[in-house]
């Protein structure tokens, strides 16, 4: 165990001050463990020495070393350091499927560490922060902002009033070159929730039901037909055995008869039973639309496309809903559409849904959201940007902006990801098919992180909720 006698003495001093004055109230919680007392004040330590002197921050120390950012914690410049403890890193590794810090791509880890560094010293005793629940924006080392505030009990808060908020475990640890606040989470940028404008269109719904629906059963039941059954059954055990079942549905999209442009499409299934094991459940497209429910068997069932067009993770719920919008937008013409339902291979989960013959539960349905289609999206700018090799860049509306609808209703879809880096929102890497809004760009919630490679680009498309679309376009990136 590392020795940190200085810290115990300072913790006693802080708690004494808390008792003397409401203004200087602060939070020292038991979850941040201190070692034996020592008469020296930790204000004589740099942030780097403070981190090195405590085992609870050992993984934070390792992350700083891996990213080569030690100098930020040693320099005389006054900064604020949001220090994730070991449990924060352990949870992050588990949530993202990493076995160790070394497996995290260095640029992504470096960005996370730089976001935890606030430019300037921030103490929750500062007069500017006296008012409770009043987030103030501070610039961070990666170019984004962090909102700092405290609640009525003077517990420090990070990004209060956003979709992701964290409570500081231990606050106001003053070191020689700033202040340290300890957290039990890896924190990242999250924008304040603001009014982004009321949509100027009226959306309508239109619903259609299957022409045909049936399930098929493998093994010795592969020749049986279940077209008149009141249930659609799905189960994947071995892929072709007597307990394996898949469901098929066919719709005629021309039955959508309300006026307008379809902007969203979802498939809804009424659940009769599910084990809800948290497994992937898939919808595949089927090109063959000549089958009918009274002739369909496992033996003659048409092949489905190899990649799912939609999926969910099963849980105990009354309906399964699948977003088929991207599938629909790629279609040419409104004819018949056929789908196959399947599960994670070998998942061995029983899922049963109402068929159109069911007398107690709703039939499967395709639900379309329609808008007028009278909006007009216009490019204001698409200038591209320049970033240093291995560095991070936060997009804003001086780089990319489309107008013509409320910013929250202009939706970008990632058509092609960068070759030499990553796009991120928060702590999430954006993959092909992921989406974000113009508002995300306006508040600098979209990051590009270079992996050390040369010139780069990514491809986006855009649409709004009123039916207007922008075809795929490049965003160019120059690497210095």
Protein backbone atom coordinates (compact mmCIF):
# COMPACT_ATOMS: atom_id res chain seq x y z
CA UNK A 1 0.00 0.00 0.00
CA UNK A 2 1.32 3.44 -0.91
CA UNK A 3 1.74 5.89 1.96
CA UNK A 4 -0.23 9.12 1.85
CA UNK A 5 -0.09 10.54 5.34
CA UNK A 6 -0.51 14.07 3.98
CA UNK A 7 -4.01 13.33 2.75
CA UNK A 8 -5.46 12.22 6.08
CA UNK A 9 -4.43 15.46 7.75
CA UNK A 10 -5.94 17.51 4.94
CA UNK A 11 -9.21 15.55 5.08
CA UNK A 12 -9.49 16.43 8.79
CA UNK A 13 -8.87 20.08 7.95
CA UNK A 14 -11.52 20.08 5.23
CA UNK A 15 -14.17 18.53 7.46
CA UNK A 16 -13.43 21.09 10.17
CA UNK A 17 -13.89 23.92 7.69
CA UNK A 18 -17.18 22.39 6.52
CA UNK A 19 -18.52 22.61 10.05
CA UNK A 20 -17.53 26.29 10.39
CA UNK A 21 -19.16 27.82 7.33
CA UNK A 22 -21.98 27.04 4.93
CA UNK A 23 -20.14 28.84 2.15
CA UNK A 24 -17.15 26.58 2.49
CA UNK A 25 -19.22 23.40 2.72
CA UNK A 26 -17.81 20.44 0.80
CA UNK A 27 -18.19 16.71 0.57
CA UNK A 28 -15.74 14.08 1.86
CA UNK A 29 -17.33 10.68 1.37
CA UNK A 30 -16.28 7.35 2.76
CA UNK A 31 -15.95 5.79 -0.67
CA UNK A 32 -12.65 7.65 -1.16
CA UNK A 33 -10.37 5.85 1.29
CA UNK A 34 -7.63 7.78 3.02
CA UNK A 35 -4.51 6.34 4.67
CA UNK A 36 -2.68 7.28 7.87
CA UNK A 37 -2.54 10.91 9.01
CA UNK A 38 0.47 13.18 8.49
CA UNK A 39 0.97 16.84 9.49
CA UNK A 40 1.90 17.92 5.94
CA UNK A 41 -0.77 19.58 3.79
CA UNK A 42 -1.49 18.04 0.36
CA UNK A 43 -1.43 21.56 -1.07
CA UNK A 44 2.35 21.03 -1.19
CA UNK A 45 1.84 18.19 -3.70
CA UNK A 46 1.33 18.58 -7.43
CA UNK A 47 -1.71 16.83 -8.90
CA UNK A 48 0.63 14.20 -10.33
CA UNK A 49 2.19 13.50 -6.91
CA UNK A 50 -1.27 13.35 -5.34
CA UNK A 51 -2.47 10.76 -7.88
CA UNK A 52 0.69 8.68 -7.49
CA UNK A 53 0.31 8.65 -3.71
CA UNK A 54 -3.03 6.89 -3.63
CA UNK A 55 -3.87 3.33 -4.63
CA UNK A 56 -7.52 4.26 -5.31
CA UNK A 57 -6.28 6.23 -8.33
CA UNK A 58 -3.79 3.65 -9.61
CA UNK A 59 -5.71 3.04 -12.87
CA UNK A 60 -6.02 6.78 -13.46
CA UNK A 61 -2.24 7.02 -13.06
CA UNK A 62 -1.78 4.18 -15.55
CA UNK A 63 -4.13 5.83 -18.06
CA UNK A 64 -2.21 9.12 -17.80
CA UNK A 65 1.09 7.31 -18.38
CA UNK A 66 -0.29 5.35 -21.35
CA UNK A 67 -1.43 8.58 -23.02
CA UNK A 68 1.72 10.54 -22.21
CA UNK A 69 -0.17 13.35 -20.46
CA UNK A 70 1.89 13.49 -17.26
CA UNK A 71 3.01 17.07 -17.95
CA UNK A 72 -0.54 18.41 -17.55
CA UNK A 73 -0.49 17.22 -13.94
CA UNK A 74 3.01 18.53 -13.20
CA UNK A 75 2.95 22.01 -14.73
CA UNK A 76 2.56 25.20 -12.71
CA UNK A 77 -0.60 26.15 -14.64
CA UNK A 78 -3.62 26.10 -12.36
CA UNK A 79 -6.10 23.43 -13.49
CA UNK A 80 -8.94 21.31 -12.16
CA UNK A 81 -8.55 17.53 -12.41
CA UNK A 82 -11.61 15.25 -12.40
CA UNK A 83 -10.01 12.03 -11.17
CA UNK A 84 -11.85 8.75 -11.87
CA UNK A 85 -11.09 6.12 -9.25
CA UNK A 86 -10.30 2.47 -9.95
CA UNK A 87 -13.93 1.36 -9.91
CA UNK A 88 -14.74 3.96 -12.59
CA UNK A 89 -12.15 2.45 -14.94
CA UNK A 90 -13.14 -1.12 -14.08
CA UNK A 91 -16.77 -0.38 -14.96
CA UNK A 92 -15.73 1.36 -18.19
CA UNK A 93 -13.59 -1.62 -19.26
CA UNK A 94 -16.42 -4.04 -18.52
CA UNK A 95 -19.07 -1.95 -20.29
CA UNK A 96 -16.95 -1.59 -23.44
CA UNK A 97 -15.53 -5.10 -23.64
CA UNK A 98 -11.90 -4.21 -22.88
CA UNK A 99 -9.71 -6.49 -20.75
CA UNK A 100 -7.27 -3.73 -19.78
CA UNK A 101 -6.51 -0.05 -20.27
CA UNK A 102 -3.90 -1.01 -22.87
CA UNK A 103 -6.66 -2.37 -25.14
CA UNK A 104 -8.40 1.03 -25.39
CA UNK A 105 -7.24 2.85 -28.54
CA UNK A 106 -4.76 5.47 -27.35
CA UNK A 107 -6.48 8.45 -29.03
CA UNK A 108 -9.81 7.54 -27.42
CA UNK A 109 -8.23 7.10 -24.00
CA UNK A 110 -6.29 10.35 -24.43
CA UNK A 111 -9.48 12.21 -25.29
CA UNK A 112 -11.19 10.87 -22.17
CA UNK A 113 -8.29 11.96 -19.97
CA UNK A 114 -8.09 15.40 -21.58
CA UNK A 115 -11.81 15.94 -21.03
CA UNK A 116 -11.22 15.31 -17.31
CA UNK A 117 -8.83 18.31 -17.21
CA UNK A 118 -10.56 21.67 -16.74
CA UNK A 119 -8.62 24.75 -17.80
CA UNK A 120 -8.45 26.78 -14.58
CA UNK A 121 -8.94 26.01 -10.91
CA UNK A 122 -12.54 25.34 -9.85
CA UNK A 123 -13.46 24.90 -6.19
CA UNK A 124 -17.00 24.42 -4.99
CA UNK A 125 -16.23 27.09 -2.38
CA UNK A 126 -15.90 29.69 -5.17
CA UNK A 127 -18.47 32.51 -4.87
CA UNK A 128 -19.47 31.96 -8.51
CA UNK A 129 -20.62 28.47 -7.53
CA UNK A 130 -22.40 29.45 -4.32
CA UNK A 131 -25.90 29.05 -5.82
CA UNK A 132 -27.04 25.43 -5.79
CA UNK A 133 -28.02 23.60 -9.00
CA UNK A 134 -26.63 26.32 -11.25
CA UNK A 135 -24.34 24.65 -13.82
CA UNK A 136 -21.47 26.78 -15.11
CA UNK A 137 -19.57 25.87 -18.29
CA UNK A 138 -15.78 25.46 -18.12
CA UNK A 139 -13.46 24.68 -21.03
CA UNK A 140 -11.68 21.32 -20.88
CA UNK A 141 -8.45 20.00 -22.33
CA UNK A 142 -10.13 18.40 -25.34
CA UNK A 143 -11.91 21.57 -26.50
CA UNK A 144 -15.37 20.71 -25.17
CA UNK A 145 -16.97 22.10 -22.02
CA UNK A 146 -17.80 20.61 -18.64
CA UNK A 147 -20.68 21.94 -16.55
CA UNK A 148 -19.85 22.08 -12.83
CA UNK A 149 -22.29 22.81 -10.01
CA UNK A 150 -23.41 21.44 -6.64
CA UNK A 151 -26.67 20.42 -5.04
CA UNK A 152 -28.21 21.89 -1.89
CA UNK A 153 -25.99 19.62 0.22
CA UNK A 154 -22.89 20.94 -1.56
CA UNK A 155 -22.21 17.66 -3.31
CA UNK A 156 -20.34 18.48 -6.50
CA UNK A 157 -22.10 17.66 -9.77
CA UNK A 158 -20.71 17.17 -13.28
CA UNK A 159 -22.88 18.08 -16.29
CA UNK A 160 -25.99 18.73 -14.22
CA UNK A 161 -29.07 19.35 -16.37
CA UNK A 162 -27.87 17.16 -19.24
CA UNK A 163 -28.75 13.63 -20.30
CA UNK A 164 -25.70 12.32 -18.36
CA UNK A 165 -24.99 13.70 -14.89
CA UNK A 166 -22.48 12.51 -12.30
CA UNK A 167 -21.96 13.19 -8.60
CA UNK A 168 -18.44 13.90 -7.37
CA UNK A 169 -17.31 11.46 -4.71
CA UNK A 170 -14.75 13.70 -3.02
CA UNK A 171 -14.43 17.39 -3.79
CA UNK A 172 -12.15 20.38 -3.13
CA UNK A 173 -8.83 18.58 -2.73
CA UNK A 174 -6.48 21.51 -3.29
CA UNK A 175 -3.05 20.70 -4.69
CA UNK A 176 -0.10 22.89 -5.62
CA UNK A 177 -1.23 23.35 -9.22
CA UNK A 178 -5.01 23.37 -8.85
CA UNK A 179 -7.81 21.26 -7.43
CA UNK A 180 -8.74 17.57 -7.61
CA UNK A 181 -12.28 16.19 -7.53
CA UNK A 182 -12.67 12.40 -7.39
CA UNK A 183 -15.45 10.54 -9.24
CA UNK A 184 -16.56 6.93 -9.44
CA UNK A 185 -17.41 7.25 -13.16
CA UNK A 186 -15.64 8.03 -16.41
CA UNK A 187 -17.22 11.35 -17.40
CA UNK A 188 -17.68 12.81 -20.86
CA UNK A 189 -19.33 15.77 -22.53
CA UNK A 190 -23.10 15.97 -22.36
CA UNK A 191 -24.95 19.05 -23.61
CA UNK A 192 -27.42 21.04 -21.54
CA UNK A 193 -31.02 20.28 -22.39
CA UNK A 194 -32.45 23.28 -24.21
CA UNK A 195 -35.55 24.15 -26.20
CA UNK A 196 -34.58 23.40 -29.80
CA UNK A 197 -37.78 24.69 -31.34
CA UNK A 198 -41.22 23.29 -32.02
CA UNK A 199 -41.54 21.32 -35.26
CA UNK A 200 -43.53 23.24 -37.85
CA UNK A 201 -45.20 20.17 -39.31
CA UNK A 202 -48.00 17.88 -38.24
CA UNK A 203 -47.12 14.19 -38.29
CA UNK A 204 -49.74 11.55 -39.01
CA UNK A 205 -49.77 7.79 -38.45
CA UNK A 206 -50.83 5.10 -40.88
CA UNK A 207 -51.00 1.39 -40.02
CA UNK A 208 -51.18 -1.74 -42.16
CA UNK A 209 -51.47 -5.44 -41.29
CA UNK A 210 -49.99 -8.62 -42.82
CA UNK A 211 -51.17 -10.22 -46.01
CA UNK A 212 -49.59 -13.45 -44.74
CA UNK A 213 -47.93 -14.53 -41.50
CA UNK A 214 -46.82 -17.94 -40.24
CA UNK A 215 -44.03 -19.70 -38.38
CA UNK A 216 -42.07 -22.74 -39.55
CA UNK A 217 -40.63 -25.54 -37.43
CA UNK A 218 -37.46 -27.56 -38.06
CA UNK A 219 -36.54 -31.19 -37.45
CA UNK A 220 -39.21 -33.85 -37.88
CA UNK A 221 -41.85 -31.09 -38.13
CA UNK A 222 -40.18 -29.40 -41.09
CA UNK A 223 -43.00 -30.33 -43.47
CA UNK A 224 -45.80 -29.01 -41.27
CA UNK A 225 -47.69 -25.81 -42.03
CA UNK A 226 -48.77 -23.41 -39.24
CA UNK A 227 -50.42 -20.69 -41.33
CA UNK A 228 -53.70 -20.79 -39.40
CA UNK A 229 -52.07 -20.78 -35.96
CA UNK A 230 -52.94 -17.88 -33.64
CA UNK A 231 -49.27 -17.51 -32.68
CA UNK A 232 -45.97 -16.75 -34.39
CA UNK A 233 -43.22 -18.72 -32.65
CA UNK A 234 -39.49 -18.06 -32.78
CA UNK A 235 -36.69 -20.08 -31.20
CA UNK A 236 -33.08 -20.78 -32.19
CA UNK A 237 -31.52 -23.84 -30.54
CA UNK A 238 -29.36 -25.65 -33.10
CA UNK A 239 -30.51 -23.83 -36.23
CA UNK A 240 -32.47 -26.69 -37.82
CA UNK A 241 -33.65 -29.07 -35.09
CA UNK A 242 -37.16 -29.95 -33.86
CA UNK A 243 -37.21 -27.01 -31.44
CA UNK A 244 -36.06 -24.40 -33.97
CA UNK A 245 -38.73 -22.00 -35.23
CA UNK A 246 -38.74 -18.92 -37.44
CA UNK A 247 -41.59 -16.57 -38.29
CA UNK A 248 -42.43 -14.98 -41.64
CA UNK A 249 -44.52 -11.90 -42.39
CA UNK A 250 -45.58 -10.24 -45.64
CA UNK A 251 -47.09 -6.75 -46.04
CA UNK A 252 -48.29 -4.77 -49.02
CA UNK A 253 -46.73 -1.33 -48.56
CA UNK A 254 -49.08 0.16 -51.14
CA UNK A 255 -51.81 -0.14 -48.50
CA UNK A 256 -50.41 2.96 -46.82
CA UNK A 257 -53.00 5.38 -48.18
CA UNK A 258 -52.67 8.58 -46.19
CA UNK A 259 -51.14 11.57 -47.93
CA UNK A 260 -47.61 12.58 -47.05
CA UNK A 261 -44.06 11.31 -46.96
CA UNK A 262 -43.20 8.34 -44.74
CA UNK A 263 -40.41 9.52 -42.45
CA UNK A 264 -40.38 6.66 -39.93
CA UNK A 265 -41.50 3.04 -40.11
CA UNK A 266 -41.68 0.49 -37.32
CA UNK A 267 -42.78 -3.12 -37.00
CA UNK A 268 -44.78 -3.86 -33.86
CA UNK A 269 -45.45 -7.38 -32.52
CA UNK A 270 -47.75 -8.16 -29.61
CA UNK A 271 -45.91 -10.49 -27.23
CA UNK A 272 -47.76 -13.53 -25.95
CA UNK A 273 -44.67 -14.93 -24.16
CA UNK A 274 -40.95 -14.23 -23.95
CA UNK A 275 -38.20 -15.52 -21.71
CA UNK A 276 -36.67 -12.05 -22.03
CA UNK A 277 -33.11 -13.31 -21.64
CA UNK A 278 -31.54 -10.14 -23.04
CA UNK A 279 -30.64 -11.80 -26.36
CA UNK A 280 -30.55 -10.24 -29.82
CA UNK A 281 -33.75 -10.67 -31.81
CA UNK A 282 -33.52 -9.97 -35.54
CA UNK A 283 -35.66 -8.93 -38.48
CA UNK A 284 -34.29 -10.02 -41.89
CA UNK A 285 -35.63 -8.96 -45.26
CA UNK A 286 -36.83 -11.67 -47.66
CA UNK A 287 -36.72 -10.95 -51.38
CA UNK A 288 -39.27 -13.67 -52.25
CA UNK A 289 -42.84 -12.35 -51.94
CA UNK A 290 -44.57 -15.25 -53.72
CA UNK A 291 -45.08 -17.48 -50.66
CA UNK A 292 -48.39 -17.67 -48.79
CA UNK A 293 -49.11 -18.60 -45.21
CA UNK A 294 -51.12 -21.76 -45.96
CA UNK A 295 -48.32 -23.33 -48.04
CA UNK A 296 -45.27 -22.26 -46.03
CA UNK A 297 -43.14 -24.91 -44.28
CA UNK A 298 -39.59 -25.12 -43.00
CA UNK A 299 -38.68 -27.15 -46.08
CA UNK A 300 -39.86 -24.57 -48.64
CA UNK A 301 -39.41 -21.32 -46.68
CA UNK A 302 -37.62 -18.66 -48.75
CA UNK A 303 -34.11 -17.62 -47.78
CA UNK A 304 -33.63 -14.38 -45.86
CA UNK A 305 -30.94 -11.77 -46.33
CA UNK A 306 -27.78 -12.60 -44.37
CA UNK A 307 -27.66 -9.32 -42.42
CA UNK A 308 -30.56 -8.17 -40.22
CA UNK A 309 -32.33 -4.95 -41.16
CA UNK A 310 -33.35 -4.31 -37.54
CA UNK A 311 -32.83 -5.82 -34.10
CA UNK A 312 -33.69 -5.40 -30.44
CA UNK A 313 -32.49 -6.96 -27.19
CA UNK A 314 -35.25 -9.06 -25.67
CA UNK A 315 -36.74 -8.27 -22.27
CA UNK A 316 -40.04 -8.75 -20.50
CA UNK A 317 -42.28 -6.37 -22.44
CA UNK A 318 -45.72 -6.48 -23.99
CA UNK A 319 -44.60 -5.52 -27.50
CA UNK A 320 -41.45 -5.89 -29.55
CA UNK A 321 -40.80 -2.84 -31.73
CA UNK A 322 -38.29 -2.68 -34.60
CA UNK A 323 -37.18 0.44 -36.46
CA UNK A 324 -37.42 -0.28 -40.21
CA UNK A 325 -36.93 3.32 -41.33
CA UNK A 326 -33.55 2.84 -42.99
CA UNK A 327 -34.82 -0.30 -44.74
CA UNK A 328 -37.83 1.59 -46.05
CA UNK A 329 -35.86 4.62 -47.23
CA UNK A 330 -33.63 2.35 -49.34
CA UNK A 331 -36.59 0.76 -51.13
CA UNK A 332 -37.53 1.59 -54.70
CA UNK A 333 -41.28 1.66 -55.00
CA UNK A 334 -44.04 0.53 -52.65
CA UNK A 335 -44.76 -3.12 -53.36
CA UNK A 336 -44.89 -6.19 -51.17
CA UNK A 337 -42.34 -6.56 -48.38
CA UNK A 338 -41.45 -9.86 -46.75
CA UNK A 339 -39.61 -10.42 -43.45
CA UNK A 340 -38.21 -13.29 -41.41
CA UNK A 341 -37.84 -13.21 -37.61
CA UNK A 342 -34.95 -15.03 -35.89
CA UNK A 343 -32.84 -14.93 -32.71
CA UNK A 344 -29.25 -15.12 -31.58
CA UNK A 345 -27.86 -18.45 -32.81
CA UNK A 346 -28.11 -21.02 -30.04
CA UNK A 347 -29.89 -18.58 -27.72
CA UNK A 348 -32.59 -21.15 -26.86
CA UNK A 349 -35.18 -18.53 -25.93
CA UNK A 350 -38.90 -18.98 -26.46
CA UNK A 351 -40.63 -15.96 -28.01
CA UNK A 352 -44.27 -16.06 -29.08
CA UNK A 353 -46.33 -13.32 -30.75
CA UNK A 354 -49.89 -12.84 -31.92
CA UNK A 355 -50.52 -13.69 -35.57
CA UNK A 356 -53.24 -11.97 -37.60
CA UNK A 357 -55.52 -14.91 -36.67
CA UNK A 358 -55.22 -14.17 -32.93
CA UNK A 359 -58.54 -13.32 -31.31
CA UNK A 360 -57.25 -11.67 -28.11
CA UNK A 361 -54.02 -9.81 -29.02
CA UNK A 362 -53.38 -7.24 -31.78
CA UNK A 363 -52.10 -8.52 -35.10
CA UNK A 364 -48.58 -7.62 -36.28
CA UNK A 365 -48.52 -4.15 -37.76
CA UNK A 366 -46.34 -1.78 -39.71
CA UNK A 367 -46.80 1.75 -38.38
CA UNK A 368 -45.71 4.65 -40.57
CA UNK A 369 -45.17 8.24 -39.52
CA UNK A 370 -45.99 10.63 -42.34
CA UNK A 371 -45.21 14.31 -42.85
CA UNK A 372 -46.03 16.84 -45.52
CA UNK A 373 -42.69 16.62 -47.31
CA UNK A 374 -42.85 20.38 -47.92
CA UNK A 375 -39.68 21.29 -46.00
CA UNK A 376 -36.45 22.14 -47.81
CA UNK A 377 -33.09 21.34 -46.26
CA UNK A 378 -30.27 23.65 -47.34
CA UNK A 379 -26.50 23.43 -46.83
CA UNK A 380 -25.19 26.45 -44.94
CA UNK A 381 -21.64 25.10 -44.70
CA UNK A 382 -19.58 21.95 -45.11
CA UNK A 383 -16.04 23.29 -44.85
CA UNK A 384 -14.20 20.23 -43.55
CA UNK A 385 -11.62 20.73 -40.82
CA UNK A 386 -7.98 20.29 -39.86
CA UNK A 387 -6.70 18.30 -36.89
CA UNK A 388 -3.25 17.38 -35.64
CA UNK A 389 -2.12 13.79 -36.03
CA UNK A 390 -3.48 11.69 -33.16
CA UNK A 391 -5.54 14.59 -31.82
CA UNK A 392 -9.24 15.33 -31.32
CA UNK A 393 -11.57 17.85 -32.97
CA UNK A 394 -15.06 18.86 -31.81
CA UNK A 395 -17.37 19.66 -34.73
CA UNK A 396 -19.57 22.77 -34.56
CA UNK A 397 -21.86 24.61 -36.94
CA UNK A 398 -18.99 26.59 -38.44
CA UNK A 399 -17.82 23.25 -39.88
CA UNK A 400 -21.13 21.61 -40.80
CA UNK A 401 -24.60 23.12 -40.83
CA UNK A 402 -27.83 22.31 -42.63
CA UNK A 403 -30.86 24.56 -42.19
CA UNK A 404 -34.54 24.34 -43.09
CA UNK A 405 -35.92 22.63 -39.98
CA UNK A 406 -35.52 22.80 -36.18
CA UNK A 407 -32.00 21.67 -35.27
CA UNK A 408 -33.28 18.68 -33.27
CA UNK A 409 -35.25 17.50 -36.31
CA UNK A 410 -32.34 17.52 -38.77
CA UNK A 411 -30.98 13.98 -38.52
CA UNK A 412 -27.58 12.94 -39.91
CA UNK A 413 -26.86 9.27 -40.61
CA UNK A 414 -23.32 7.90 -40.81
CA UNK A 415 -23.02 6.25 -44.22
CA UNK A 416 -19.25 5.64 -44.07
CA UNK A 417 -17.06 5.91 -40.96
CA UNK A 418 -13.60 7.54 -41.01
CA UNK A 419 -10.72 5.38 -42.21
CA UNK A 420 -8.06 6.85 -39.93
CA UNK A 421 -10.03 7.67 -36.83
CA UNK A 422 -13.34 7.59 -35.02
CA UNK A 423 -16.49 9.65 -34.67
CA UNK A 424 -17.82 9.79 -31.12
CA UNK A 425 -20.78 11.21 -29.27
CA UNK A 426 -20.25 11.15 -25.53
CA UNK A 427 -18.37 7.92 -24.91
CA UNK A 428 -20.01 6.08 -27.83
CA UNK A 429 -18.17 5.35 -31.09
CA UNK A 430 -20.49 6.03 -34.02
CA UNK A 431 -20.66 3.09 -36.41
CA UNK A 432 -22.19 2.93 -39.89
CA UNK A 433 -25.93 3.53 -39.59
CA UNK A 434 -25.67 5.56 -36.39
CA UNK A 435 -27.40 8.93 -36.29
CA UNK A 436 -27.14 12.32 -34.59
CA UNK A 437 -28.76 15.74 -35.03
CA UNK A 438 -27.77 19.23 -36.06
CA UNK A 439 -28.24 20.15 -32.42
CA UNK A 440 -25.49 17.66 -31.50
CA UNK A 441 -23.19 19.54 -33.87
CA UNK A 442 -24.28 22.96 -32.60
CA UNK A 443 -23.39 22.04 -28.99
CA UNK A 444 -20.11 20.31 -29.99
CA UNK A 445 -21.33 16.86 -29.01
CA UNK A 446 -19.70 15.16 -32.04
CA UNK A 447 -15.97 14.44 -31.90
CA UNK A 448 -13.50 13.23 -34.49
CA UNK A 449 -10.43 11.50 -33.05
CA UNK A 450 -7.50 10.75 -35.36
CA UNK A 451 -5.65 7.45 -34.92
CA UNK A 452 -2.35 8.76 -36.21
CA UNK A 453 -3.11 8.13 -39.88
CA UNK A 454 -3.11 10.51 -42.84
CA UNK A 455 -5.89 12.49 -44.51
CA UNK A 456 -9.37 11.26 -43.76
CA UNK A 457 -13.06 11.77 -44.38
CA UNK A 458 -16.45 10.39 -43.45
CA UNK A 459 -19.75 10.26 -45.32
CA UNK A 460 -23.11 11.43 -43.98
CA UNK A 461 -26.63 11.75 -45.27
CA UNK A 462 -29.33 13.92 -43.73
CA UNK A 463 -33.09 14.09 -43.45
CA UNK A 464 -35.68 15.88 -41.39
CA UNK A 465 -38.92 14.71 -39.81
CA UNK A 466 -40.98 16.43 -42.48
CA UNK A 467 -39.69 14.20 -45.27
CA UNK A 468 -36.88 16.25 -46.83
CA UNK A 469 -33.61 14.39 -47.56
CA UNK A 470 -30.01 15.25 -48.41
CA UNK A 471 -28.14 12.59 -50.35
CA UNK A 472 -24.81 11.25 -48.99
CA UNK A 473 -21.96 13.76 -48.89
CA UNK A 474 -18.31 13.81 -47.77
CA UNK A 475 -16.87 15.70 -44.81
CA UNK A 476 -13.15 16.12 -45.51
CA UNK A 477 -10.44 16.06 -42.84
CA UNK A 478 -6.89 17.39 -43.21
CA UNK A 479 -4.31 15.85 -40.85
CA UNK A 480 -1.27 17.92 -39.84
